Every structure is written in C-alpha cells, then in structure tokens.
Amino acid sequence: MLLIVGTVRLPPDNLAAARPVMERMIAASRAEPGCRGYSYAEDLLDPGLIRVAEMWDDRAALDAHFASSHLAAWRAAWPSLGLGSRDLTLHEVAASTPT
C-alpha cells in the first residue's frame, strides 16, 4: 500500500472558492480503482492549511491517478486559488495494524 501524507496551503480568503474544486477532486479520486482513501481537512488552528491523506493499493493505481483528468483540472485551478505551497510525502507501507 502507498500512503501520501502532507499539506497544501492557500489564502484563507480563497477557501470558499476552493471547497467545490477540492470536493470534485476528492469524489473523483475516491472513485478510482485502487484508491483506499482520499481526504483533505482544513486545519482548525492554521487557516488556509489543508491536510492531505491518500491511500493507494499500488504504484499502478497511483500512476493512473496522476494521469487523470480530475487531477489535471485540480492542478489547473491552483493559480486562481492561490495555492502557494505543497508538502507531500509518499510512504510505502508493508503492513498496518489498528492502534
């Protein structure tokens, strides 16, 4: 399994405009084969900071996601939304257990 965890940042004033764009991205990503989970969450203490968590079955599923039209549309929206920084890390998970 592959896990992507990190953050993206945009101006807090742009959150209302960003929400529908992010909702479309999340819904389309969750519908992709090999997607185990996909979420964005607004940080309650740091306005404009969006926490990202993605889970994918394997590299093929992630590569298909990277080539998707909805990811291209999300990336095309970044300049108008003022998305300024991205800090995402890919982790390969060999096993997981509940805590």
N, C-alpha and C. Protein backbone atom coordinates (compact mmCIF):
# COMPACT_ATOMS: atom_id res chain seq x y z
N MET A 1 0.85 -1.17 0.00
CA MET A 1 0.00 0.00 0.00
C MET A 1 0.89 1.24 0.00
N LEU A 2 0.43 2.27 -0.66
CA LEU A 2 1.11 3.56 -0.68
C LEU A 2 0.27 4.57 0.08
N LEU A 3 0.95 5.37 0.87
CA LEU A 3 0.30 6.41 1.67
C LEU A 3 0.96 7.74 1.33
N ILE A 4 0.16 8.72 0.98
CA ILE A 4 0.64 10.08 0.76
C ILE A 4 0.06 10.95 1.86
N VAL A 5 0.93 11.63 2.57
CA VAL A 5 0.52 12.49 3.68
C VAL A 5 1.23 13.82 3.54
N GLY A 6 0.54 14.90 3.84
CA GLY A 6 1.18 16.20 3.79
C GLY A 6 0.18 17.33 3.86
N THR A 7 0.61 18.47 3.32
CA THR A 7 -0.21 19.68 3.38
C THR A 7 -0.13 20.46 2.08
N VAL A 8 -1.16 21.24 1.84
CA VAL A 8 -1.15 22.29 0.83
C VAL A 8 -1.65 23.55 1.52
N ARG A 9 -1.23 24.69 1.01
CA ARG A 9 -1.60 25.95 1.64
C ARG A 9 -2.17 26.89 0.59
N LEU A 10 -3.25 27.58 1.00
CA LEU A 10 -3.81 28.62 0.15
C LEU A 10 -4.30 29.75 1.04
N PRO A 11 -4.52 30.93 0.47
CA PRO A 11 -5.00 32.04 1.29
C PRO A 11 -6.35 31.70 1.92
N PRO A 12 -6.52 31.96 3.22
CA PRO A 12 -7.78 31.65 3.88
C PRO A 12 -9.00 32.27 3.19
N ASP A 13 -8.81 33.43 2.57
CA ASP A 13 -9.93 34.08 1.87
C ASP A 13 -10.38 33.29 0.64
N ASN A 14 -9.56 32.36 0.17
CA ASN A 14 -9.90 31.57 -1.02
C ASN A 14 -10.53 30.22 -0.69
N LEU A 15 -10.70 29.93 0.60
CA LEU A 15 -11.23 28.62 0.98
C LEU A 15 -12.63 28.37 0.41
N ALA A 16 -13.48 29.36 0.42
CA ALA A 16 -14.84 29.16 -0.10
C ALA A 16 -14.81 28.80 -1.58
N ALA A 17 -13.94 29.42 -2.35
CA ALA A 17 -13.82 29.10 -3.78
C ALA A 17 -13.14 27.75 -3.98
N ALA A 18 -12.26 27.38 -3.07
CA ALA A 18 -11.51 26.13 -3.22
C ALA A 18 -12.33 24.90 -2.85
N ARG A 19 -13.27 25.05 -1.94
CA ARG A 19 -14.02 23.88 -1.45
C ARG A 19 -14.69 23.08 -2.57
N PRO A 20 -15.44 23.70 -3.48
CA PRO A 20 -16.08 22.88 -4.53
C PRO A 20 -15.06 22.22 -5.46
N VAL A 21 -13.95 22.88 -5.71
CA VAL A 21 -12.91 22.30 -6.56
C VAL A 21 -12.30 21.10 -5.84
N MET A 22 -12.03 21.24 -4.55
CA MET A 22 -11.47 20.13 -3.78
C MET A 22 -12.49 18.99 -3.65
N GLU A 23 -13.76 19.32 -3.48
CA GLU A 23 -14.80 18.28 -3.39
C GLU A 23 -14.85 17.44 -4.66
N ARG A 24 -14.76 18.09 -5.82
CA ARG A 24 -14.76 17.34 -7.09
C ARG A 24 -13.53 16.44 -7.17
N MET A 25 -12.39 16.96 -6.77
CA MET A 25 -11.14 16.18 -6.80
C MET A 25 -11.26 14.96 -5.88
N ILE A 26 -11.72 15.17 -4.67
CA ILE A 26 -11.84 14.08 -3.70
C ILE A 26 -12.82 13.01 -4.20
N ALA A 27 -14.00 13.42 -4.66
CA ALA A 27 -15.01 12.46 -5.11
C ALA A 27 -14.50 11.64 -6.29
N ALA A 28 -13.87 12.29 -7.25
CA ALA A 28 -13.36 11.57 -8.42
C ALA A 28 -12.21 10.64 -8.03
N SER A 29 -11.36 11.09 -7.12
CA SER A 29 -10.24 10.26 -6.69
C SER A 29 -10.72 9.03 -5.94
N ARG A 30 -11.69 9.22 -5.06
CA ARG A 30 -12.24 8.08 -4.29
C ARG A 30 -12.88 7.04 -5.19
N ALA A 31 -13.35 7.44 -6.36
CA ALA A 31 -13.99 6.52 -7.30
C ALA A 31 -12.99 5.75 -8.15
N GLU A 32 -11.72 6.13 -8.09
CA GLU A 32 -10.71 5.46 -8.91
C GLU A 32 -10.40 4.06 -8.39
N PRO A 33 -10.15 3.12 -9.32
CA PRO A 33 -9.70 1.80 -8.89
C PRO A 33 -8.37 1.93 -8.12
N GLY A 34 -8.27 1.22 -7.02
CA GLY A 34 -7.04 1.22 -6.24
C GLY A 34 -6.95 2.30 -5.19
N CYS A 35 -7.95 3.18 -5.11
CA CYS A 35 -7.95 4.21 -4.08
C CYS A 35 -8.63 3.65 -2.83
N ARG A 36 -7.89 3.57 -1.75
CA ARG A 36 -8.43 3.08 -0.47
C ARG A 36 -8.94 4.22 0.40
N GLY A 37 -8.45 5.41 0.15
CA GLY A 37 -8.87 6.56 0.93
C GLY A 37 -8.27 7.83 0.36
N TYR A 38 -9.03 8.91 0.45
CA TYR A 38 -8.57 10.18 -0.09
C TYR A 38 -9.29 11.29 0.66
N SER A 39 -8.55 12.13 1.37
CA SER A 39 -9.21 13.18 2.13
C SER A 39 -8.36 14.44 2.24
N TYR A 40 -9.06 15.55 2.31
CA TYR A 40 -8.48 16.86 2.62
C TYR A 40 -9.18 17.34 3.88
N ALA A 41 -8.43 17.97 4.77
CA ALA A 41 -9.03 18.50 6.00
C ALA A 41 -8.43 19.87 6.30
N GLU A 42 -9.30 20.82 6.57
CA GLU A 42 -8.83 22.16 6.96
C GLU A 42 -8.30 22.12 8.38
N ASP A 43 -7.13 22.68 8.59
CA ASP A 43 -6.56 22.76 9.93
C ASP A 43 -7.34 23.80 10.72
N LEU A 44 -7.83 23.43 11.88
CA LEU A 44 -8.66 24.34 12.68
C LEU A 44 -7.87 25.49 13.28
N LEU A 45 -6.57 25.31 13.47
CA LEU A 45 -5.77 26.34 14.12
C LEU A 45 -4.90 27.13 13.16
N ASP A 46 -4.85 26.71 11.90
CA ASP A 46 -3.99 27.38 10.91
C ASP A 46 -4.81 27.58 9.64
N PRO A 47 -5.58 28.67 9.56
CA PRO A 47 -6.45 28.91 8.40
C PRO A 47 -5.66 28.88 7.09
N GLY A 48 -6.22 28.18 6.12
CA GLY A 48 -5.59 28.07 4.82
C GLY A 48 -4.69 26.86 4.67
N LEU A 49 -4.44 26.15 5.76
CA LEU A 49 -3.64 24.93 5.71
C LEU A 49 -4.57 23.74 5.54
N ILE A 50 -4.37 22.98 4.48
CA ILE A 50 -5.18 21.81 4.17
C ILE A 50 -4.31 20.58 4.36
N ARG A 51 -4.76 19.67 5.20
CA ARG A 51 -4.04 18.42 5.44
C ARG A 51 -4.55 17.37 4.46
N VAL A 52 -3.61 16.68 3.83
CA VAL A 52 -3.91 15.71 2.78
C VAL A 52 -3.54 14.31 3.26
N ALA A 53 -4.42 13.34 3.01
CA ALA A 53 -4.13 11.93 3.28
C ALA A 53 -4.72 11.09 2.14
N GLU A 54 -3.85 10.30 1.52
CA GLU A 54 -4.28 9.42 0.43
C GLU A 54 -3.74 8.02 0.69
N MET A 55 -4.53 7.01 0.31
CA MET A 55 -4.07 5.63 0.38
C MET A 55 -4.37 4.95 -0.95
N TRP A 56 -3.35 4.29 -1.51
CA TRP A 56 -3.46 3.63 -2.81
C TRP A 56 -2.99 2.20 -2.70
N ASP A 57 -3.62 1.31 -3.47
CA ASP A 57 -3.23 -0.10 -3.46
C ASP A 57 -1.79 -0.31 -3.90
N ASP A 58 -1.40 0.39 -4.98
CA ASP A 58 -0.07 0.15 -5.54
C ASP A 58 0.33 1.30 -6.45
N ARG A 59 1.53 1.20 -7.00
CA ARG A 59 2.08 2.27 -7.85
C ARG A 59 1.26 2.43 -9.13
N ALA A 60 0.76 1.35 -9.67
CA ALA A 60 -0.05 1.45 -10.90
C ALA A 60 -1.29 2.30 -10.66
N ALA A 61 -1.95 2.10 -9.53
CA ALA A 61 -3.14 2.89 -9.20
C ALA A 61 -2.77 4.36 -9.02
N LEU A 62 -1.66 4.61 -8.35
CA LEU A 62 -1.22 5.99 -8.13
C LEU A 62 -0.83 6.65 -9.45
N ASP A 63 -0.14 5.92 -10.32
CA ASP A 63 0.24 6.48 -11.62
C ASP A 63 -0.99 6.81 -12.45
N ALA A 64 -2.03 5.96 -12.38
CA ALA A 64 -3.27 6.25 -13.10
C ALA A 64 -3.92 7.51 -12.53
N HIS A 65 -3.86 7.68 -11.22
CA HIS A 65 -4.38 8.89 -10.58
C HIS A 65 -3.63 10.12 -11.08
N PHE A 66 -2.31 10.03 -11.14
CA PHE A 66 -1.50 11.16 -11.60
C PHE A 66 -1.83 11.54 -13.04
N ALA A 67 -2.29 10.59 -13.84
CA ALA A 67 -2.62 10.84 -15.25
C ALA A 67 -4.09 11.21 -15.46
N SER A 68 -4.87 11.29 -14.38
CA SER A 68 -6.32 11.52 -14.52
C SER A 68 -6.66 12.96 -14.89
N SER A 69 -7.80 13.10 -15.53
CA SER A 69 -8.27 14.43 -15.93
C SER A 69 -8.66 15.27 -14.72
N HIS A 70 -9.19 14.65 -13.67
CA HIS A 70 -9.58 15.43 -12.50
C HIS A 70 -8.37 15.97 -11.75
N LEU A 71 -7.25 15.25 -11.77
CA LEU A 71 -6.03 15.79 -11.16
C LEU A 71 -5.50 16.95 -12.01
N ALA A 72 -5.58 16.82 -13.32
CA ALA A 72 -5.15 17.92 -14.19
C ALA A 72 -6.01 19.17 -13.96
N ALA A 73 -7.32 18.98 -13.78
CA ALA A 73 -8.21 20.11 -13.50
C ALA A 73 -7.89 20.76 -12.16
N TRP A 74 -7.60 19.95 -11.15
CA TRP A 74 -7.23 20.47 -9.83
C TRP A 74 -5.95 21.29 -9.93
N ARG A 75 -4.96 20.75 -10.62
CA ARG A 75 -3.69 21.48 -10.78
C ARG A 75 -3.88 22.78 -11.57
N ALA A 76 -4.76 22.75 -12.57
CA ALA A 76 -5.02 23.95 -13.36
C ALA A 76 -5.68 25.04 -12.52
N ALA A 77 -6.39 24.66 -11.46
CA ALA A 77 -7.06 25.63 -10.60
C ALA A 77 -6.13 26.28 -9.58
N TRP A 78 -4.96 25.70 -9.36
CA TRP A 78 -4.06 26.22 -8.32
C TRP A 78 -3.76 27.71 -8.43
N PRO A 79 -3.39 28.22 -9.62
CA PRO A 79 -3.06 29.66 -9.67
C PRO A 79 -4.23 30.56 -9.27
N SER A 80 -5.44 30.25 -9.73
CA SER A 80 -6.57 31.11 -9.39
C SER A 80 -6.96 31.00 -7.92
N LEU A 81 -6.66 29.85 -7.30
CA LEU A 81 -6.96 29.67 -5.88
C LEU A 81 -5.83 30.17 -4.97
N GLY A 82 -4.69 30.49 -5.58
CA GLY A 82 -3.56 30.97 -4.80
C GLY A 82 -2.84 29.88 -4.03
N LEU A 83 -2.97 28.64 -4.51
CA LEU A 83 -2.29 27.55 -3.82
C LEU A 83 -0.79 27.82 -3.86
N GLY A 84 -0.21 28.03 -2.69
CA GLY A 84 1.17 28.51 -2.63
C GLY A 84 2.21 27.48 -2.33
N SER A 85 1.90 26.52 -1.49
CA SER A 85 2.92 25.53 -1.15
C SER A 85 2.28 24.15 -1.05
N ARG A 86 3.08 23.18 -1.39
CA ARG A 86 2.69 21.77 -1.26
C ARG A 86 3.82 21.05 -0.57
N ASP A 87 3.49 20.26 0.41
CA ASP A 87 4.49 19.46 1.12
C ASP A 87 3.88 18.08 1.32
N LEU A 88 4.08 17.22 0.34
CA LEU A 88 3.50 15.88 0.35
C LEU A 88 4.62 14.85 0.33
N THR A 89 4.45 13.77 1.09
CA THR A 89 5.44 12.71 1.16
C THR A 89 4.77 11.37 0.87
N LEU A 90 5.41 10.58 0.02
CA LEU A 90 4.92 9.25 -0.32
C LEU A 90 5.61 8.23 0.59
N HIS A 91 4.80 7.37 1.21
CA HIS A 91 5.30 6.30 2.08
C HIS A 91 4.86 4.96 1.53
N GLU A 92 5.76 4.00 1.51
CA GLU A 92 5.40 2.63 1.18
C GLU A 92 5.15 1.90 2.48
N VAL A 93 3.95 1.32 2.61
CA VAL A 93 3.54 0.67 3.84
C VAL A 93 3.54 -0.83 3.63
N ALA A 94 4.36 -1.56 4.38
CA ALA A 94 4.44 -3.00 4.26
C ALA A 94 3.33 -3.70 5.04
N ALA A 95 2.95 -3.12 6.17
CA ALA A 95 1.91 -3.71 7.00
C ALA A 95 1.32 -2.61 7.87
N SER A 96 0.09 -2.83 8.30
CA SER A 96 -0.54 -1.89 9.21
C SER A 96 -1.40 -2.65 10.21
N THR A 97 -1.54 -2.11 11.39
CA THR A 97 -2.36 -2.71 12.43
C THR A 97 -3.12 -1.61 13.15
N PRO A 98 -4.29 -1.89 13.65
CA PRO A 98 -5.02 -0.88 14.42
C PRO A 98 -4.29 -0.56 15.71
N THR A 99 -4.44 0.64 16.19
CA THR A 99 -3.79 1.03 17.45
C THR A 99 -4.78 1.05 18.58
